[in-house]
Amino acid sequence: MEIDSGARVQNPALSTTAAKVAAGPGPNAAAKVPTIEIKAPPEVKEFEGPDIDQAVADLQQYVDGLDRDLSFRRDESINRSIITVRDANTNQLVRQIPAEEVVEIARQLKQDLDAKRAGMLLRGEV
């Protein structure tokens, strides 16, 4: 099938089908279309800090049973979970998610924002 810049369909069989679609449904079309009932999505519970801490502990317990050196912890200073993978033989850090550099940048940004907010409150800028 080729379509030229004028957007005309070159295949005659497709032109007939396109004309029928453009003309709209016939008088008996309502009887052939199934009814679709739209339902609201289910409510999803918001996770709280203790829920996340429990999930991290459960995941750590599961991984401990696999004899893997994978650890999960929560860094409260940036309110994020940290995942570390260590070599089982050497205990050397293989990977950390997020990377330590990213965690340090997040800590510094949080400190800077907290200091700025405190200064705004003292100067009456809020």
C-alpha atoms as a PDB file:
ATOM      1  CA  MET A   1       0.000   0.000   0.000  1.00  0.00           C
ATOM      2  CA  GLU A   2       1.351   3.407  -0.934  1.00  0.00           C
ATOM      3  CA  ILE A   3       0.211   6.734   0.448  1.00  0.00           C
ATOM      4  CA  ASP A   4       1.161   9.867  -1.437  1.00  0.00           C
ATOM      5  CA  SER A   5       1.601  13.348   0.017  1.00  0.00           C
ATOM      6  CA  GLY A   6      -2.066  14.105  -0.674  1.00  0.00           C
ATOM      7  CA  ALA A   7      -2.980  11.269   1.742  1.00  0.00           C
ATOM      8  CA  ARG A   8      -4.940   9.362  -0.937  1.00  0.00           C
ATOM      9  CA  VAL A   9      -5.029   5.602  -0.596  1.00  0.00           C
ATOM     10  CA  GLN A  10      -3.729   3.854  -3.741  1.00  0.00           C
ATOM     11  CA  ASN A  11      -5.337   0.458  -2.982  1.00  0.00           C
ATOM     12  CA  PRO A  12      -9.013   0.447  -4.197  1.00  0.00           C
ATOM     13  CA  ALA A  13     -10.096  -2.243  -1.692  1.00  0.00           C
ATOM     14  CA  LEU A  14      -8.843  -0.099   1.172  1.00  0.00           C
ATOM     15  CA  SER A  15     -10.542   2.978  -0.303  1.00  0.00           C
ATOM     16  CA  THR A  16     -13.919   1.211  -0.159  1.00  0.00           C
ATOM     17  CA  THR A  17     -13.332   0.148   3.446  1.00  0.00           C
ATOM     18  CA  ALA A  18     -12.179   3.644   4.376  1.00  0.00           C
ATOM     19  CA  ALA A  19     -15.309   5.129   2.803  1.00  0.00           C
ATOM     20  CA  LYS A  20     -17.541   2.793   4.839  1.00  0.00           C
ATOM     21  CA  VAL A  21     -15.753   3.723   8.066  1.00  0.00           C
ATOM     22  CA  ALA A  22     -15.973   7.439   7.240  1.00  0.00           C
ATOM     23  CA  ALA A  23     -19.695   7.125   6.502  1.00  0.00           C
ATOM     24  CA  GLY A  24     -20.309   5.963  10.050  1.00  0.00           C
ATOM     25  CA  PRO A  25     -22.311   3.062  11.443  1.00  0.00           C
ATOM     26  CA  GLY A  26     -25.478   1.915   9.769  1.00  0.00           C
ATOM     27  CA  PRO A  27     -28.959   1.956  11.375  1.00  0.00           C
ATOM     28  CA  ASN A  28     -28.489  -1.529  12.941  1.00  0.00           C
ATOM     29  CA  ALA A  29     -24.986  -0.839  14.317  1.00  0.00           C
ATOM     30  CA  ALA A  30     -26.221  -0.168  17.862  1.00  0.00           C
ATOM     31  CA  ALA A  31     -27.533  -3.711  18.155  1.00  0.00           C
ATOM     32  CA  LYS A  32     -24.146  -5.189  17.175  1.00  0.00           C
ATOM     33  CA  VAL A  33     -21.907  -3.143  19.515  1.00  0.00           C
ATOM     34  CA  PRO A  34     -21.375  -4.750  22.948  1.00  0.00           C
ATOM     35  CA  THR A  35     -21.961  -2.640  26.044  1.00  0.00           C
ATOM     36  CA  ILE A  36     -18.834  -1.835  28.033  1.00  0.00           C
ATOM     37  CA  GLU A  37     -19.167  -1.063  31.726  1.00  0.00           C
ATOM     38  CA  ILE A  38     -16.541   1.324  33.073  1.00  0.00           C
ATOM     39  CA  LYS A  39     -15.509   0.747  36.675  1.00  0.00           C
ATOM     40  CA  ALA A  40     -13.450   2.955  38.948  1.00  0.00           C
ATOM     41  CA  PRO A  41      -9.940   1.678  39.672  1.00  0.00           C
ATOM     42  CA  PRO A  42      -9.449   0.029  43.061  1.00  0.00           C
ATOM     43  CA  GLU A  43      -8.085   2.198  45.844  1.00  0.00           C
ATOM     44  CA  VAL A  44      -4.395   1.691  46.541  1.00  0.00           C
ATOM     45  CA  LYS A  45      -3.169   2.169  50.089  1.00  0.00           C
ATOM     46  CA  GLU A  46      -0.368   4.711  50.573  1.00  0.00           C
ATOM     47  CA  PHE A  47       2.762   3.208  52.072  1.00  0.00           C
ATOM     48  CA  GLU A  48       4.047   4.715  55.293  1.00  0.00           C
ATOM     49  CA  GLY A  49       7.624   4.671  56.622  1.00  0.00           C
ATOM     50  CA  PRO A  50       7.048   1.682  58.946  1.00  0.00           C
ATOM     51  CA  ASP A  51       5.485  -0.274  56.046  1.00  0.00           C
ATOM     52  CA  ILE A  52       8.546   0.321  53.892  1.00  0.00           C
ATOM     53  CA  ASP A  53      10.897  -0.544  56.758  1.00  0.00           C
ATOM     54  CA  GLN A  54       9.035  -3.830  57.283  1.00  0.00           C
ATOM     55  CA  ALA A  55       9.162  -4.623  53.552  1.00  0.00           C
ATOM     56  CA  VAL A  56      12.924  -3.954  53.522  1.00  0.00           C
ATOM     57  CA  ALA A  57      13.396  -6.229  56.562  1.00  0.00           C
ATOM     58  CA  ASP A  58      11.301  -8.989  54.963  1.00  0.00           C
ATOM     59  CA  LEU A  59      13.265  -8.734  51.728  1.00  0.00           C
ATOM     60  CA  GLN A  60      16.566  -8.825  53.634  1.00  0.00           C
ATOM     61  CA  GLN A  61      15.416 -11.950  55.509  1.00  0.00           C
ATOM     62  CA  TYR A  62      14.484 -13.634  52.217  1.00  0.00           C
ATOM     63  CA  VAL A  63      17.830 -12.785  50.598  1.00  0.00           C
ATOM     64  CA  ASP A  64      19.745 -13.984  53.672  1.00  0.00           C
ATOM     65  CA  GLY A  65      18.195 -17.401  53.085  1.00  0.00           C
ATOM     66  CA  LEU A  66      19.698 -17.441  49.564  1.00  0.00           C
ATOM     67  CA  ASP A  67      23.314 -17.124  50.810  1.00  0.00           C
ATOM     68  CA  ARG A  68      23.822 -13.929  48.831  1.00  0.00           C
ATOM     69  CA  ASP A  69      25.630 -10.837  50.017  1.00  0.00           C
ATOM     70  CA  LEU A  70      22.858  -8.420  49.190  1.00  0.00           C
ATOM     71  CA  SER A  71      21.760  -5.936  51.814  1.00  0.00           C
ATOM     72  CA  PHE A  72      18.927  -3.465  52.093  1.00  0.00           C
ATOM     73  CA  ARG A  73      18.914  -0.487  54.417  1.00  0.00           C
ATOM     74  CA  ARG A  74      17.067   2.757  54.748  1.00  0.00           C
ATOM     75  CA  ASP A  75      18.959   6.039  54.862  1.00  0.00           C
ATOM     76  CA  GLU A  76      16.792   8.272  57.038  1.00  0.00           C
ATOM     77  CA  SER A  77      18.760  11.420  56.194  1.00  0.00           C
ATOM     78  CA  ILE A  78      17.474  11.313  52.596  1.00  0.00           C
ATOM     79  CA  ASN A  79      14.453   9.047  53.188  1.00  0.00           C
ATOM     80  CA  ARG A  80      15.605   6.472  50.594  1.00  0.00           C
ATOM     81  CA  SER A  81      16.345   2.764  50.526  1.00  0.00           C
ATOM     82  CA  ILE A  82      19.924   1.750  49.733  1.00  0.00           C
ATOM     83  CA  ILE A  83      20.756  -1.631  48.156  1.00  0.00           C
ATOM     84  CA  THR A  84      24.309  -2.974  48.275  1.00  0.00           C
ATOM     85  CA  VAL A  85      25.753  -6.046  46.563  1.00  0.00           C
ATOM     86  CA  ARG A  86      29.010  -7.491  47.884  1.00  0.00           C
ATOM     87  CA  ASP A  87      31.299 -10.223  46.628  1.00  0.00           C
ATOM     88  CA  ALA A  88      30.628 -13.306  48.793  1.00  0.00           C
ATOM     89  CA  ASN A  89      34.326 -14.260  48.974  1.00  0.00           C
ATOM     90  CA  THR A  90      36.069 -10.911  49.431  1.00  0.00           C
ATOM     91  CA  ASN A  91      33.229  -8.851  50.940  1.00  0.00           C
ATOM     92  CA  GLN A  92      34.184  -6.123  48.444  1.00  0.00           C
ATOM     93  CA  LEU A  93      31.408  -3.767  47.328  1.00  0.00           C
ATOM     94  CA  VAL A  94      30.301  -4.719  43.821  1.00  0.00           C
ATOM     95  CA  ARG A  95      27.383  -2.330  43.388  1.00  0.00           C
ATOM     96  CA  GLN A  96      25.274   0.103  45.380  1.00  0.00           C
ATOM     97  CA  ILE A  97      21.906   1.418  44.269  1.00  0.00           C
ATOM     98  CA  PRO A  98      21.758   4.397  44.276  1.00  0.00           C
ATOM     99  CA  ALA A  99      25.506   4.971  44.013  1.00  0.00           C
ATOM    100  CA  GLU A 100      27.277   6.456  47.051  1.00  0.00           C
ATOM    101  CA  GLU A 101      27.993   9.628  45.078  1.00  0.00           C
ATOM    102  CA  VAL A 102      24.279  10.100  44.393  1.00  0.00           C
ATOM    103  CA  VAL A 103      23.452   9.482  48.068  1.00  0.00           C
ATOM    104  CA  GLU A 104      26.053  12.060  49.131  1.00  0.00           C
ATOM    105  CA  ILE A 105      24.689  14.624  46.645  1.00  0.00           C
ATOM    106  CA  ALA A 106      21.150  14.002  47.955  1.00  0.00           C
ATOM    107  CA  ARG A 107      22.344  14.498  51.539  1.00  0.00           C
ATOM    108  CA  GLN A 108      24.099  17.741  50.622  1.00  0.00           C
ATOM    109  CA  LEU A 109      21.061  19.053  48.715  1.00  0.00           C
ATOM    110  CA  LYS A 110      18.794  18.239  51.650  1.00  0.00           C
ATOM    111  CA  GLN A 111      21.140  20.016  54.066  1.00  0.00           C
ATOM    112  CA  ASP A 112      21.351  23.061  51.785  1.00  0.00           C
ATOM    113  CA  LEU A 113      17.561  23.207  51.384  1.00  0.00           C
ATOM    114  CA  ASP A 114      17.024  22.807  55.125  1.00  0.00           C
ATOM    115  CA  ALA A 115      19.517  25.613  55.822  1.00  0.00           C
ATOM    116  CA  LYS A 116      17.847  27.854  53.234  1.00  0.00           C
ATOM    117  CA  ARG A 117      14.396  27.185  54.703  1.00  0.00           C
ATOM    118  CA  ALA A 118      15.679  27.956  58.208  1.00  0.00           C
ATOM    119  CA  GLY A 119      17.231  31.207  56.967  1.00  0.00           C
ATOM    120  CA  MET A 120      13.982  32.192  55.248  1.00  0.00           C
ATOM    121  CA  LEU A 121      12.056  31.664  58.460  1.00  0.00           C
ATOM    122  CA  LEU A 122      14.519  33.780  60.448  1.00  0.00           C
ATOM    123  CA  ARG A 123      14.459  36.616  57.915  1.00  0.00           C
ATOM    124  CA  GLY A 124      10.673  36.473  57.599  1.00  0.00           C
ATOM    125  CA  GLU A 125      10.685  35.684  53.876  1.00  0.00           C
ATOM    126  CA  VAL A 126       8.151  32.887  54.026  1.00  0.00           C
END
